[in-house]
């Protein structure tokens, strides 16, 4: 089971592959080498993630489109982006420094709050990076079979080429961060993306499930994945350990605050833990629709959104999920609360702004 964003990326990828095939006769240029084209319709095109960069909003989506708004989503400008790969996630640990990731193993960085972007990594480099890292470990520790297996995985990535989607990105600060993606693909940087280290050996994910999302709750760093996979960073052991949950379906995201974590995903499932994942309580709803994104508002309410465009809310603590009536519904991939309190949503139809409550 792929994540919502990954399913959208796969569909867009198929469309782009067809378009590229038609364009072969006109001189094909790899999307990794083709800057995103300016488009007056960019804010109405599919967008897959949204983040705040201080007071600014930054959204990412198909064909390398990155947009930014300085008026709480009322108007948008298109950023300068060096690739046309579909982008799935964006994160700003500070107002000025941000990272975006997506198809073809793309990792982009902005040092000016999302106005311009440079490419730090792409899928043409990742296979060789993984192969060298684990081959060096295998040489240093020839009796450790794990290194040889992971080196072989690196060789497979080399042979497969650039198609290695990243699904999410998270940075603790302007230096330390992670990118995660399909088949347990996870890289770490400690220098703001100048260099990246493979971390496949640091996850309790022997079956290689997709890593759909990574997020911090303030007192824990979690990774949510398919088939019930939930991992939490163990600072002492320096690895992501399994957290047992009551559900075996895919999780699409994790959110929380100190002392509380929510994990959500397939068919409307949401679970809350207030004891570091030792126990979980379901937050029931009558919906059987995938929950794709969530955020914690300034008023202390969690807002959760579905693939069909529903909005749910719950207060911190034991309150149940409640559906919020809307005059319009469309698929929602990401949502944030703007500086003026408005809710800004992005999805398959681009940007939608709900007024301040």
Protein backbone atom coordinates (compact mmCIF):
# COMPACT_ATOMS: atom_id res chain seq x y z
CA UNK A 1 0.00 0.00 0.00
CA UNK A 2 1.54 3.29 -1.10
CA UNK A 3 1.09 6.57 0.73
CA UNK A 4 -1.40 9.12 -0.57
CA UNK A 5 1.42 11.34 -1.80
CA UNK A 6 3.25 8.41 -3.36
CA UNK A 7 0.12 7.30 -5.22
CA UNK A 8 -0.30 10.81 -6.59
CA UNK A 9 3.38 10.94 -7.55
CA UNK A 10 3.12 7.59 -9.33
CA UNK A 11 0.14 8.81 -11.35
CA UNK A 12 1.90 12.04 -12.23
CA UNK A 13 5.06 10.08 -13.06
CA UNK A 14 3.16 7.91 -15.51
CA UNK A 15 1.76 11.01 -17.19
CA UNK A 16 5.20 12.60 -17.38
CA UNK A 17 6.73 9.41 -18.78
CA UNK A 18 4.15 9.46 -21.58
CA UNK A 19 4.76 13.14 -22.21
CA UNK A 20 8.51 12.61 -22.27
CA UNK A 21 8.13 9.74 -24.73
CA UNK A 22 6.21 12.01 -27.09
CA UNK A 23 8.90 14.66 -26.64
CA UNK A 24 11.79 12.37 -27.57
CA UNK A 25 11.72 13.51 -31.17
CA UNK A 26 11.97 17.13 -30.06
CA UNK A 27 15.10 16.53 -28.00
CA UNK A 28 14.57 14.93 -24.62
CA UNK A 29 15.93 16.65 -21.49
CA UNK A 30 15.89 14.79 -18.17
CA UNK A 31 13.55 16.40 -15.63
CA UNK A 32 16.53 16.47 -13.25
CA UNK A 33 18.26 18.87 -15.64
CA UNK A 34 15.19 20.83 -16.72
CA UNK A 35 14.23 23.87 -14.58
CA UNK A 36 10.59 24.15 -13.58
CA UNK A 37 8.70 26.27 -16.06
CA UNK A 38 6.80 29.37 -14.93
CA UNK A 39 3.05 28.85 -15.14
CA UNK A 40 0.17 31.21 -14.46
CA UNK A 41 -1.86 28.14 -13.46
CA UNK A 42 0.64 26.79 -10.94
CA UNK A 43 -1.52 27.65 -7.91
CA UNK A 44 -4.38 25.66 -9.46
CA UNK A 45 -2.21 22.64 -10.30
CA UNK A 46 -1.76 19.60 -8.01
CA UNK A 47 0.20 20.56 -4.89
CA UNK A 48 1.30 17.94 -2.36
CA UNK A 49 2.75 19.75 0.64
CA UNK A 50 2.71 23.08 2.41
CA UNK A 51 4.88 24.61 5.15
CA UNK A 52 5.41 27.87 6.98
CA UNK A 53 8.71 29.71 6.63
CA UNK A 54 8.24 32.28 9.33
CA UNK A 55 5.27 34.37 8.16
CA UNK A 56 5.63 33.06 4.59
CA UNK A 57 3.83 30.00 3.19
CA UNK A 58 5.64 27.65 0.78
CA UNK A 59 3.90 24.95 -1.28
CA UNK A 60 5.38 22.23 -3.52
CA UNK A 61 3.87 20.01 -6.21
CA UNK A 62 4.03 18.61 -9.69
CA UNK A 63 6.65 19.44 -12.34
CA UNK A 64 8.95 21.05 -9.78
CA UNK A 65 6.47 23.78 -8.94
CA UNK A 66 7.24 25.65 -5.72
CA UNK A 67 5.06 28.60 -4.76
CA UNK A 68 5.31 31.10 -1.93
CA UNK A 69 2.84 33.53 -0.40
CA UNK A 70 3.41 36.51 1.89
CA UNK A 71 -0.27 37.36 2.42
CA UNK A 72 -1.64 34.22 4.10
CA UNK A 73 -2.34 32.43 0.82
CA UNK A 74 -4.28 35.14 -0.98
CA UNK A 75 -1.67 35.50 -3.74
CA UNK A 76 1.30 33.36 -4.77
CA UNK A 77 4.57 33.70 -6.63
CA UNK A 78 6.46 30.90 -8.31
CA UNK A 79 9.96 30.14 -7.07
CA UNK A 80 13.04 29.46 -9.19
CA UNK A 81 13.57 25.67 -9.16
CA UNK A 82 16.33 23.81 -11.07
CA UNK A 83 14.34 20.59 -11.69
CA UNK A 84 10.96 19.55 -13.10
CA UNK A 85 10.57 16.46 -10.94
CA UNK A 86 7.35 16.15 -8.97
CA UNK A 87 7.87 17.31 -5.38
CA UNK A 88 6.17 15.62 -2.43
CA UNK A 89 7.28 17.39 0.77
CA UNK A 90 8.78 20.60 2.13
CA UNK A 91 10.06 21.59 5.58
CA UNK A 92 11.50 24.79 7.07
CA UNK A 93 13.25 24.42 10.43
CA UNK A 94 13.77 28.20 10.43
CA UNK A 95 12.31 31.13 8.54
CA UNK A 96 15.14 31.27 6.01
CA UNK A 97 16.36 27.70 5.56
CA UNK A 98 14.18 25.05 3.91
CA UNK A 99 14.34 21.70 2.11
CA UNK A 100 12.04 20.01 -0.42
CA UNK A 101 12.08 16.43 -1.72
CA UNK A 102 10.28 14.33 -4.30
CA UNK A 103 10.53 12.01 -7.26
CA UNK A 104 13.86 10.97 -8.78
CA UNK A 105 15.59 11.19 -5.39
CA UNK A 106 15.51 14.98 -5.53
CA UNK A 107 16.63 17.01 -2.50
CA UNK A 108 16.38 20.78 -2.90
CA UNK A 109 17.55 23.52 -0.54
CA UNK A 110 16.57 27.16 -0.17
CA UNK A 111 18.50 29.71 1.86
CA UNK A 112 16.19 32.65 1.14
CA UNK A 113 12.84 31.49 2.57
CA UNK A 114 11.78 29.62 -0.57
CA UNK A 115 12.35 32.21 -3.32
CA UNK A 116 15.19 30.30 -5.02
CA UNK A 117 16.31 26.67 -4.73
CA UNK A 118 19.39 24.62 -5.51
CA UNK A 119 19.69 20.87 -5.94
CA UNK A 120 21.72 19.08 -3.27
CA UNK A 121 21.07 15.48 -4.33
CA UNK A 122 19.25 13.38 -6.91
CA UNK A 123 18.58 9.73 -7.67
CA UNK A 124 21.52 9.43 -10.04
CA UNK A 125 23.83 9.80 -7.02
CA UNK A 126 21.94 7.87 -4.34
CA UNK A 127 22.74 4.33 -5.47
CA UNK A 128 26.48 5.02 -5.57
CA UNK A 129 26.24 6.77 -2.21
CA UNK A 130 24.56 3.76 -0.57
CA UNK A 131 26.89 1.28 -2.29
CA UNK A 132 30.08 3.06 -1.17
CA UNK A 133 28.89 3.60 2.40
CA UNK A 134 28.01 -0.02 3.04
CA UNK A 135 30.87 -1.44 0.96
CA UNK A 136 33.30 0.51 3.15
CA UNK A 137 31.61 -0.91 6.27
CA UNK A 138 31.73 -4.42 4.79
CA UNK A 139 35.46 -4.04 4.18
CA UNK A 140 36.04 -2.79 7.72
CA UNK A 141 33.86 -5.53 9.27
CA UNK A 142 33.91 -8.53 6.90
CA UNK A 143 32.17 -10.79 9.43
CA UNK A 144 29.10 -8.55 9.62
CA UNK A 145 26.67 -9.95 7.04
CA UNK A 146 24.39 -6.91 7.28
CA UNK A 147 26.91 -4.68 5.52
CA UNK A 148 27.18 -7.01 2.55
CA UNK A 149 23.40 -7.18 2.18
CA UNK A 150 23.07 -3.41 2.31
CA UNK A 151 25.94 -2.99 -0.15
CA UNK A 152 24.05 -5.32 -2.51
CA UNK A 153 21.00 -3.10 -2.05
CA UNK A 154 23.17 -0.14 -3.05
CA UNK A 155 24.26 -2.00 -6.20
CA UNK A 156 20.60 -2.63 -7.04
CA UNK A 157 19.86 1.06 -6.66
CA UNK A 158 22.75 1.88 -9.01
CA UNK A 159 21.40 -0.51 -11.63
CA UNK A 160 17.84 0.76 -11.36
CA UNK A 161 18.76 4.38 -12.04
CA UNK A 162 17.32 7.64 -10.76
CA UNK A 163 13.74 6.67 -9.89
CA UNK A 164 13.95 6.71 -6.07
CA UNK A 165 11.09 8.80 -4.64
CA UNK A 166 11.53 10.61 -1.36
CA UNK A 167 8.23 11.06 0.47
CA UNK A 168 9.12 13.35 3.35
CA UNK A 169 11.81 15.57 4.88
CA UNK A 170 12.43 16.84 8.40
CA UNK A 171 15.16 19.03 9.89
CA UNK A 172 15.82 19.65 13.57
CA UNK A 173 17.73 22.83 12.72
CA UNK A 174 19.70 24.29 9.81
CA UNK A 175 22.23 21.44 9.92
CA UNK A 176 20.69 18.15 11.12
CA UNK A 177 18.00 16.52 9.02
CA UNK A 178 16.57 13.39 7.40
CA UNK A 179 14.93 12.50 4.10
CA UNK A 180 12.81 9.32 3.87
CA UNK A 181 11.17 7.41 1.05
CA UNK A 182 10.24 4.15 -0.59
CA UNK A 183 11.63 0.75 0.42
CA UNK A 184 13.26 1.98 3.65
CA UNK A 185 15.27 4.67 1.87
CA UNK A 186 16.56 7.08 4.53
CA UNK A 187 19.48 9.50 4.52
CA UNK A 188 20.82 11.83 7.23
CA UNK A 189 22.82 15.04 7.02
CA UNK A 190 24.66 16.90 9.74
CA UNK A 191 25.93 19.76 7.59
CA UNK A 192 22.80 21.19 6.04
CA UNK A 193 22.75 18.82 3.08
CA UNK A 194 26.31 19.26 1.89
CA UNK A 195 26.85 15.54 2.55
CA UNK A 196 24.40 12.70 3.20
CA UNK A 197 24.82 9.39 5.04
CA UNK A 198 22.61 6.33 4.35
CA UNK A 199 20.79 5.10 7.47
CA UNK A 200 19.06 1.91 6.30
CA UNK A 201 20.89 0.01 9.05
CA UNK A 202 19.40 2.30 11.71
CA UNK A 203 15.74 1.35 11.20
CA UNK A 204 13.81 -1.64 12.54
CA UNK A 205 12.33 -2.26 9.10
CA UNK A 206 13.67 -5.60 7.85
CA UNK A 207 10.90 -5.95 5.25
CA UNK A 208 11.81 -2.63 3.67
CA UNK A 209 8.40 -0.99 4.02
CA UNK A 210 7.94 2.50 2.60
CA UNK A 211 8.71 5.35 4.99
CA UNK A 212 5.81 7.73 4.38
CA UNK A 213 6.40 10.53 6.88
CA UNK A 214 8.84 11.80 9.51
CA UNK A 215 7.98 14.33 12.20
CA UNK A 216 8.86 15.48 15.70
CA UNK A 217 6.34 15.83 18.54
CA UNK A 218 8.73 17.92 20.60
CA UNK A 219 9.91 15.03 22.76
CA UNK A 220 10.16 12.31 20.12
CA UNK A 221 11.11 11.89 16.46
CA UNK A 222 8.84 9.42 14.64
CA UNK A 223 8.66 7.78 11.23
CA UNK A 224 5.29 6.49 9.96
CA UNK A 225 5.17 3.85 7.24
CA UNK A 226 3.13 1.22 5.51
CA UNK A 227 1.61 -1.91 7.07
CA UNK A 228 1.48 -0.49 10.59
CA UNK A 229 5.12 0.58 10.70
CA UNK A 230 5.87 3.23 13.32
CA UNK A 231 9.45 3.97 14.37
CA UNK A 232 10.82 6.27 17.08
CA UNK A 233 14.35 7.62 17.38
CA UNK A 234 16.27 6.20 20.36
CA UNK A 235 18.92 8.74 21.28
CA UNK A 236 20.83 6.31 23.47
CA UNK A 237 20.88 3.50 20.92
CA UNK A 238 21.22 5.90 17.96
CA UNK A 239 18.59 4.15 15.85
CA UNK A 240 14.89 4.15 14.96
CA UNK A 241 13.16 1.45 17.00
CA UNK A 242 9.76 -0.14 16.37
CA UNK A 243 6.77 1.22 18.27
CA UNK A 244 3.93 -1.29 18.53
CA UNK A 245 0.51 0.03 17.51
CA UNK A 246 -2.91 -1.67 17.28
CA UNK A 247 -3.24 -1.34 13.50
CA UNK A 248 -1.58 -3.16 10.60
CA UNK A 249 -2.67 -0.80 7.86
CA UNK A 250 -0.54 1.99 6.44
CA UNK A 251 0.11 5.19 8.34
CA UNK A 252 0.42 8.39 6.33
CA UNK A 253 1.52 10.78 9.06
CA UNK A 254 2.34 11.47 12.68
CA UNK A 255 1.80 14.62 14.73
CA UNK A 256 1.87 15.65 18.37
CA UNK A 257 3.30 17.78 21.13
CA UNK A 258 5.27 17.01 24.28
CA UNK A 259 3.47 14.22 26.12
CA UNK A 260 1.16 13.30 23.24
CA UNK A 261 1.42 11.74 19.78
CA UNK A 262 -1.20 10.99 17.11
CA UNK A 263 -0.65 8.64 14.18
CA UNK A 264 -3.12 8.51 11.29
CA UNK A 265 -3.64 6.88 7.92
CA UNK A 266 -5.60 4.32 5.96
CA UNK A 267 -9.41 4.17 6.13
CA UNK A 268 -9.78 6.92 8.70
CA UNK A 269 -7.72 5.28 11.43
CA UNK A 270 -6.30 7.61 14.10
CA UNK A 271 -4.62 6.58 17.36
CA UNK A 272 -3.39 8.66 20.29
CA UNK A 273 -0.71 7.84 22.86
CA UNK A 274 0.20 9.81 25.97
CA UNK A 275 2.86 7.39 27.27
CA UNK A 276 5.53 7.47 24.55
CA UNK A 277 3.78 4.84 22.47
CA UNK A 278 3.44 2.21 25.21
CA UNK A 279 -0.36 2.23 24.75
CA UNK A 280 -2.76 3.65 22.18
CA UNK A 281 -6.37 4.78 22.15
CA UNK A 282 -8.39 4.95 18.92
CA UNK A 283 -10.02 8.26 18.01
CA UNK A 284 -13.13 7.02 16.30
CA UNK A 285 -14.90 8.63 13.37
CA UNK A 286 -17.60 7.44 11.01
CA UNK A 287 -15.36 7.97 8.00
CA UNK A 288 -13.64 5.17 6.10
CA UNK A 289 -11.53 7.54 4.04
CA UNK A 290 -7.73 7.86 4.13
CA UNK A 291 -6.51 10.65 6.41
CA UNK A 292 -3.74 12.37 4.51
CA UNK A 293 -2.53 15.27 6.65
CA UNK A 294 -2.93 17.04 9.99
CA UNK A 295 -1.70 20.01 11.99
CA UNK A 296 -1.97 21.38 15.51
CA UNK A 297 -3.61 24.81 15.50
CA UNK A 298 -2.91 27.81 17.68
CA UNK A 299 -6.16 27.08 19.55
CA UNK A 300 -4.92 23.66 20.70
CA UNK A 301 -7.09 21.75 18.25
CA UNK A 302 -5.74 19.07 15.96
CA UNK A 303 -7.09 19.40 12.43
CA UNK A 304 -7.08 16.28 10.27
CA UNK A 305 -7.97 16.12 6.58
CA UNK A 306 -8.95 13.28 4.26
CA UNK A 307 -8.29 12.23 0.71
CA UNK A 308 -11.94 13.11 -0.05
CA UNK A 309 -11.67 16.58 1.46
CA UNK A 310 -13.26 16.08 4.88
CA UNK A 311 -12.03 18.12 7.84
CA UNK A 312 -11.94 16.64 11.34
CA UNK A 313 -10.90 18.21 14.61
CA UNK A 314 -10.14 17.17 18.15
CA UNK A 315 -8.81 18.90 21.24
CA UNK A 316 -5.67 17.67 22.91
CA UNK A 317 -6.53 15.02 25.49
CA UNK A 318 -9.31 12.47 25.25
CA UNK A 319 -11.83 14.35 23.11
CA UNK A 320 -13.17 12.41 20.09
CA UNK A 321 -12.89 13.41 16.46
CA UNK A 322 -15.58 15.75 15.20
CA UNK A 323 -16.38 16.49 11.58
CA UNK A 324 -16.22 20.17 10.61
CA UNK A 325 -18.90 21.20 8.07
CA UNK A 326 -17.61 22.69 4.82
CA UNK A 327 -19.30 24.37 1.89
CA UNK A 328 -16.77 22.87 -0.53
CA UNK A 329 -14.81 19.62 -0.54
CA UNK A 330 -11.85 18.55 -2.63
CA UNK A 331 -8.91 16.18 -1.98
CA UNK A 332 -6.48 17.63 0.56
CA UNK A 333 -2.79 16.71 0.65
CA UNK A 334 -1.53 19.26 3.19
CA UNK A 335 -2.78 22.09 5.38
CA UNK A 336 -1.36 24.78 7.67
CA UNK A 337 -2.63 27.67 9.72
CA UNK A 338 -1.40 30.96 8.29
CA UNK A 339 -0.06 33.80 10.42
CA UNK A 340 -3.47 35.54 10.36
CA UNK A 341 -5.25 32.39 11.55
CA UNK A 342 -6.69 31.35 8.18
CA UNK A 343 -6.54 27.69 7.14
CA UNK A 344 -4.63 27.18 3.89
CA UNK A 345 -5.16 23.86 2.10
CA UNK A 346 -3.45 22.34 -0.94
CA UNK A 347 -4.34 19.30 -3.00
CA UNK A 348 -5.20 18.07 -6.47
CA UNK A 349 -6.94 21.36 -7.33
CA UNK A 350 -4.21 23.61 -6.02
CA UNK A 351 -4.67 26.13 -3.20
CA UNK A 352 -7.80 26.80 -1.13
CA UNK A 353 -8.03 29.29 1.75
CA UNK A 354 -10.64 29.07 4.50
CA UNK A 355 -11.36 32.31 6.42
CA UNK A 356 -10.21 33.06 9.93
CA UNK A 357 -12.56 31.51 12.48
